């Protein structure tokens, strides 16, 4: 389940921008991605390499997801309703737009070695913790803390393959159920949607009781990407239900769709839901 404590959100191992109109994003220059963050702190050489690659993969996912998403693609409709397409593309656009280091619409800090209470919250089952509180001003840059598990085994262990390396891409695409084993870029994309400064770019009407715009966590099992699919099924079956957050307000829905759309494009395959659907 997702660990919850306010005003921080965390993603546990046991589970794991809207513009009024969607606007195209800046094509990422992956070599400049480390400039997108205001600060990397407490990162050794190995951690910096891992975090930088995750940032590059996150932008890569967002770029291709923006291009590929439509109401007919499995990669989109597994996670969102047709009416949420503009919100999804708005999110992918906002993530891409921040790749411009000369005009980034938001800034945040990546901390590779959280300490104190945050370090205790990390434990051995948390990948990352994000400060979802509302910034006091433009200089109040919030943090994404990368826990030790982010740099170890598990969902964040993998990176996206190099699409220009045919053998590497082929090997990655042959994995079984690889869409359910997210990359570090996938985890970081999930986390960035929790940031108030990011989410309000595409979702200004999504505000909780504390004034925060960041996305929420719907987590019911050990596979958050499958939970995101289940959430979509819930609303397909009961469009007016009010006991769960909508897909457009669920962080993993964005990460799951981005990962699946990327795989759909480069692996040339669709991922059809089980014939009997998902357990609800």
Protein backbone atom coordinates (compact mmCIF):
# COMPACT_ATOMS: atom_id res chain seq x y z
CA UNK A 1 0.00 0.00 0.00
CA UNK A 2 1.14 3.55 -0.51
CA UNK A 3 2.50 5.03 2.67
CA UNK A 4 0.54 8.15 3.56
CA UNK A 5 1.51 11.03 5.76
CA UNK A 6 0.82 14.72 5.23
CA UNK A 7 2.07 16.76 3.53
CA UNK A 8 4.36 14.09 2.10
CA UNK A 9 3.43 11.23 -0.20
CA UNK A 10 5.47 8.05 -0.50
CA UNK A 11 5.43 5.02 -2.75
CA UNK A 12 5.89 1.70 -0.98
CA UNK A 13 7.51 -1.40 -2.41
CA UNK A 14 4.51 -3.42 -1.36
CA UNK A 15 2.43 -1.53 -3.95
CA UNK A 16 5.16 0.30 -5.66
CA UNK A 17 0.07 20.14 -15.81
CA UNK A 18 -3.99 20.63 -16.73
CA UNK A 19 -3.74 23.30 -19.25
CA UNK A 20 -7.19 24.26 -20.46
CA UNK A 21 -6.02 22.82 -23.75
CA UNK A 22 -3.25 20.31 -24.24
CA UNK A 23 -0.21 21.99 -25.70
CA UNK A 24 2.74 20.35 -27.41
CA UNK A 25 5.91 20.09 -25.38
CA UNK A 26 9.49 20.94 -26.17
CA UNK A 27 11.33 17.98 -27.64
CA UNK A 28 13.70 16.82 -24.90
CA UNK A 29 17.42 17.20 -25.40
CA UNK A 30 18.30 14.24 -23.23
CA UNK A 31 21.87 15.43 -22.73
CA UNK A 32 20.66 18.54 -20.92
CA UNK A 33 18.25 16.84 -18.56
CA UNK A 34 20.38 17.25 -15.46
CA UNK A 35 19.89 21.00 -15.87
CA UNK A 36 16.16 20.66 -15.42
CA UNK A 37 16.49 20.32 -11.66
CA UNK A 38 17.31 23.27 -9.48
CA UNK A 39 19.63 21.11 -7.39
CA UNK A 40 20.92 17.58 -6.96
CA UNK A 41 22.01 17.16 -3.36
CA UNK A 42 23.74 14.43 -1.38
CA UNK A 43 24.38 12.33 -4.51
CA UNK A 44 27.58 10.35 -4.94
CA UNK A 45 28.86 9.55 -8.44
CA UNK A 46 26.86 6.33 -8.74
CA UNK A 47 23.68 7.90 -7.45
CA UNK A 48 24.06 10.91 -9.72
CA UNK A 49 24.42 8.63 -12.74
CA UNK A 50 21.33 6.65 -11.74
CA UNK A 51 19.21 9.72 -10.98
CA UNK A 52 20.30 11.45 -14.19
CA UNK A 53 19.39 8.40 -16.27
CA UNK A 54 16.03 8.20 -14.53
CA UNK A 55 15.43 11.85 -15.43
CA UNK A 56 16.34 11.18 -19.05
CA UNK A 57 14.03 8.17 -19.15
CA UNK A 58 11.20 10.14 -17.55
CA UNK A 59 11.41 12.78 -20.29
CA UNK A 60 11.69 10.04 -22.91
CA UNK A 61 8.51 8.40 -21.60
CA UNK A 62 6.66 11.72 -21.55
CA UNK A 63 7.77 12.68 -25.06
CA UNK A 64 6.60 9.48 -26.72
CA UNK A 65 3.49 9.14 -24.57
CA UNK A 66 2.39 12.60 -25.68
CA UNK A 67 2.86 11.63 -29.33
CA UNK A 68 1.26 8.19 -29.05
CA UNK A 69 -1.73 8.82 -26.79
CA UNK A 70 -5.18 8.68 -28.35
CA UNK A 71 -8.54 7.28 -27.37
CA UNK A 72 -8.02 4.15 -29.49
CA UNK A 73 -4.66 3.10 -28.05
CA UNK A 74 -4.60 0.39 -25.40
CA UNK A 75 -1.76 2.21 -23.68
CA UNK A 76 -4.07 5.12 -23.00
CA UNK A 77 -7.45 3.50 -22.48
CA UNK A 78 -6.13 0.96 -19.97
CA UNK A 79 -5.71 3.87 -17.57
CA UNK A 80 -7.92 6.79 -18.62
CA UNK A 81 -11.35 7.60 -19.96
CA UNK A 82 -11.70 9.33 -23.32
CA UNK A 83 -12.60 12.62 -21.66
CA UNK A 84 -9.27 12.57 -19.79
CA UNK A 85 -7.05 12.57 -22.91
CA UNK A 86 -6.36 16.30 -22.74
CA UNK A 87 -5.38 16.01 -19.09
CA UNK A 88 -2.96 13.18 -19.81
CA UNK A 89 -1.40 15.00 -22.75
CA UNK A 90 -1.24 18.17 -20.68
CA UNK A 91 0.75 16.30 -18.03
CA UNK A 92 3.17 14.83 -20.56
CA UNK A 93 3.57 18.26 -22.16
CA UNK A 94 4.34 19.94 -18.86
CA UNK A 95 6.98 17.35 -17.99
CA UNK A 96 8.61 17.91 -21.37
CA UNK A 97 8.44 21.70 -21.17
CA UNK A 98 10.57 21.67 -18.06
CA UNK A 99 13.42 20.24 -20.10
CA UNK A 100 14.17 23.76 -21.32
CA UNK A 101 16.79 24.90 -18.75
CA UNK A 102 16.44 28.53 -19.85
CA UNK A 103 12.69 28.71 -19.21
CA UNK A 104 11.71 25.86 -16.90
CA UNK A 105 8.15 26.36 -15.60
CA UNK A 106 8.98 24.76 -12.24
CA UNK A 107 11.99 23.74 -10.17
CA UNK A 108 12.54 21.08 -7.56
CA UNK A 109 15.31 19.32 -5.67
CA UNK A 110 16.42 15.70 -5.95
CA UNK A 111 18.01 14.45 -2.73
CA UNK A 112 19.81 11.11 -2.98
CA UNK A 113 20.43 10.61 0.75
CA UNK A 114 17.43 11.55 2.89
CA UNK A 115 18.07 11.76 6.63
CA UNK A 116 16.10 12.39 9.81
CA UNK A 117 12.38 11.71 9.71
CA UNK A 118 12.39 11.35 5.92
CA UNK A 119 15.18 8.80 6.11
CA UNK A 120 13.22 6.85 8.70
CA UNK A 121 10.13 6.93 6.49
CA UNK A 122 12.18 5.46 3.63
CA UNK A 123 12.99 2.31 5.55
CA UNK A 124 13.56 -0.64 3.23
CA UNK A 125 10.21 -0.62 1.39
CA UNK A 126 9.98 2.89 -0.04
CA UNK A 127 11.43 4.02 -3.37
CA UNK A 128 10.94 7.75 -3.05
CA UNK A 129 9.19 10.39 -0.97
CA UNK A 130 7.84 13.61 -2.43
CA UNK A 131 7.03 16.85 -0.64
CA UNK A 132 3.54 17.59 -1.97
CA UNK A 133 3.03 20.78 0.05
CA UNK A 134 2.23 24.10 -1.62
CA UNK A 135 5.34 26.26 -2.20
CA UNK A 136 5.42 29.48 -0.19
CA UNK A 137 6.81 31.37 -3.21
CA UNK A 138 8.73 30.81 -6.44
CA UNK A 139 11.95 30.22 -4.52
CA UNK A 140 10.48 27.46 -2.32
CA UNK A 141 11.57 24.45 -4.34
CA UNK A 142 10.18 21.18 -3.02
CA UNK A 143 12.10 17.92 -2.78
CA UNK A 144 11.88 14.44 -4.16
CA UNK A 145 13.93 12.23 -1.84
CA UNK A 146 15.29 9.08 -3.47
CA UNK A 147 15.42 6.35 -0.85
CA UNK A 148 18.12 3.65 -0.69
CA UNK A 149 15.75 1.19 -2.38
CA UNK A 150 15.68 3.43 -5.47
CA UNK A 151 19.35 2.62 -5.94
CA UNK A 152 18.95 -1.10 -5.17
CA UNK A 153 16.85 -3.98 -6.44
CA UNK A 154 13.24 -3.72 -7.54
CA UNK A 155 11.12 -1.49 -9.76
CA UNK A 156 13.71 1.28 -9.99
CA UNK A 157 16.57 -1.07 -10.85
CA UNK A 158 15.84 -1.06 -14.58
CA UNK A 159 16.35 1.70 -17.13
CA UNK A 160 14.74 2.07 -20.53
CA UNK A 161 16.69 0.36 -23.32
CA UNK A 162 18.56 2.29 -25.95
CA UNK A 163 16.18 2.25 -28.92
CA UNK A 164 19.13 2.63 -31.30
CA UNK A 165 20.61 -0.64 -30.04
CA UNK A 166 18.53 -3.29 -31.80
CA UNK A 167 19.75 -6.18 -29.64
CA UNK A 168 19.16 -4.32 -26.38
CA UNK A 169 15.70 -3.21 -27.45
CA UNK A 170 14.79 -6.72 -28.65
CA UNK A 171 15.88 -8.26 -25.35
CA UNK A 172 13.88 -5.70 -23.36
CA UNK A 173 10.76 -6.19 -25.46
CA UNK A 174 10.89 -9.99 -25.01
CA UNK A 175 10.51 -9.76 -21.24
CA UNK A 176 7.31 -11.22 -19.87
CA UNK A 177 4.95 -8.74 -18.25
CA UNK A 178 7.64 -6.08 -18.35
CA UNK A 179 5.02 -3.35 -18.29
CA UNK A 180 4.38 -4.42 -14.70
CA UNK A 181 8.04 -3.93 -13.73
CA UNK A 182 8.53 -0.16 -14.01
CA UNK A 183 11.83 1.56 -14.70
CA UNK A 184 13.50 4.21 -12.56
CA UNK A 185 12.15 6.77 -15.05
CA UNK A 186 8.65 5.42 -14.47
CA UNK A 187 9.05 5.79 -10.69
CA UNK A 188 10.34 9.34 -11.08
CA UNK A 189 7.48 10.26 -13.44
CA UNK A 190 5.02 8.98 -10.83
CA UNK A 191 6.72 11.07 -8.14
CA UNK A 192 6.85 14.28 -10.13
CA UNK A 193 3.06 14.28 -10.52
CA UNK A 194 2.81 14.65 -6.73
CA UNK A 195 4.58 18.02 -6.82
CA UNK A 196 2.17 20.92 -6.44
CA UNK A 197 4.15 23.20 -8.77
CA UNK A 198 4.04 20.57 -11.51
CA UNK A 199 0.47 19.30 -11.16
CA UNK A 200 -1.15 22.72 -11.10
CA UNK A 201 0.22 23.35 -14.59
CA UNK A 202 -2.21 20.83 -16.03
CA UNK A 203 -4.66 20.34 -13.18
CA UNK A 204 -5.47 23.70 -11.58
CA UNK A 205 -8.96 22.52 -10.59
CA UNK A 206 -7.62 19.54 -8.64
CA UNK A 207 -7.24 21.06 -5.16
CA UNK A 208 -7.51 19.28 -1.82
CA UNK A 209 -8.38 20.70 1.58
CA UNK A 210 -4.81 21.93 2.05
CA UNK A 211 -4.72 23.72 -1.30
CA UNK A 212 -2.49 21.13 -2.95
CA UNK A 213 -2.76 20.21 -6.63
CA UNK A 214 -0.56 17.10 -6.62
CA UNK A 215 -1.87 13.75 -7.75
CA UNK A 216 -3.05 11.12 -5.24
CA UNK A 217 -2.20 7.41 -4.79
CA UNK A 218 -4.70 4.64 -5.45
CA UNK A 219 -2.98 1.49 -4.22
CA UNK A 220 -4.74 -1.75 -3.35
CA UNK A 221 -2.17 -4.46 -4.12
CA UNK A 222 1.52 -5.14 -4.69
CA UNK A 223 1.30 -3.92 -8.30
CA UNK A 224 0.38 -0.22 -8.54
CA UNK A 225 0.32 -0.29 -12.34
CA UNK A 226 -2.37 -2.98 -12.19
CA UNK A 227 -4.20 -0.97 -9.54
CA UNK A 228 -4.23 1.95 -11.96
CA UNK A 229 -5.91 -0.31 -14.52
CA UNK A 230 -8.38 -1.49 -11.92
CA UNK A 231 -9.25 2.11 -11.10
CA UNK A 232 -10.13 2.72 -14.74
CA UNK A 233 -12.37 -0.38 -14.73
CA UNK A 234 -14.11 0.88 -11.58
CA UNK A 235 -15.12 4.06 -13.37
CA UNK A 236 -16.01 2.26 -16.59
CA UNK A 237 -18.48 0.21 -14.56
CA UNK A 238 -19.67 3.04 -12.30
CA UNK A 239 -18.96 6.44 -13.92
CA UNK A 240 -20.43 8.44 -11.04
CA UNK A 241 -18.83 6.67 -8.11
CA UNK A 242 -17.45 8.97 -5.44
CA UNK A 243 -15.65 6.57 -3.12
CA UNK A 244 -12.40 6.53 -5.13
CA UNK A 245 -10.24 9.16 -6.81
CA UNK A 246 -10.74 9.53 -10.54
CA UNK A 247 -8.07 8.13 -12.90
CA UNK A 248 -7.05 11.67 -13.88
CA UNK A 249 -6.07 12.33 -10.24
CA UNK A 250 -4.05 9.13 -9.72
CA UNK A 251 -0.25 9.42 -10.03
CA UNK A 252 0.32 5.85 -11.19
CA UNK A 253 -2.21 6.22 -14.01
CA UNK A 254 0.13 8.74 -15.65
CA UNK A 255 3.25 6.66 -15.13
CA UNK A 256 1.53 3.43 -16.19
CA UNK A 257 0.12 4.91 -19.38
CA UNK A 258 3.44 6.55 -20.27
CA UNK A 259 5.32 3.27 -19.82
CA UNK A 260 2.79 1.26 -21.78
CA UNK A 261 2.57 3.77 -24.63
CA UNK A 262 6.35 3.77 -24.89
CA UNK A 263 6.44 -0.03 -25.04
CA UNK A 264 3.53 -0.06 -27.47
CA UNK A 265 5.51 2.16 -29.84
CA UNK A 266 8.94 0.59 -29.66
CA UNK A 267 7.98 -3.04 -29.06
CA UNK A 268 5.18 -2.95 -31.63
CA UNK A 269 2.65 -4.73 -29.46
CA UNK A 270 -0.51 -4.02 -27.51
CA UNK A 271 -1.23 -5.29 -24.03
CA UNK A 272 -4.76 -6.60 -23.88
CA UNK A 273 -6.39 -6.91 -20.43
CA UNK A 274 -7.19 -10.40 -19.09
CA UNK A 275 -10.33 -11.89 -20.60
CA UNK A 276 -11.97 -12.01 -17.17
CA UNK A 277 -10.85 -8.50 -16.34
CA UNK A 278 -9.23 -7.43 -13.10
CA UNK A 279 -10.41 -8.45 -9.68
CA UNK A 280 -12.28 -5.63 -8.02
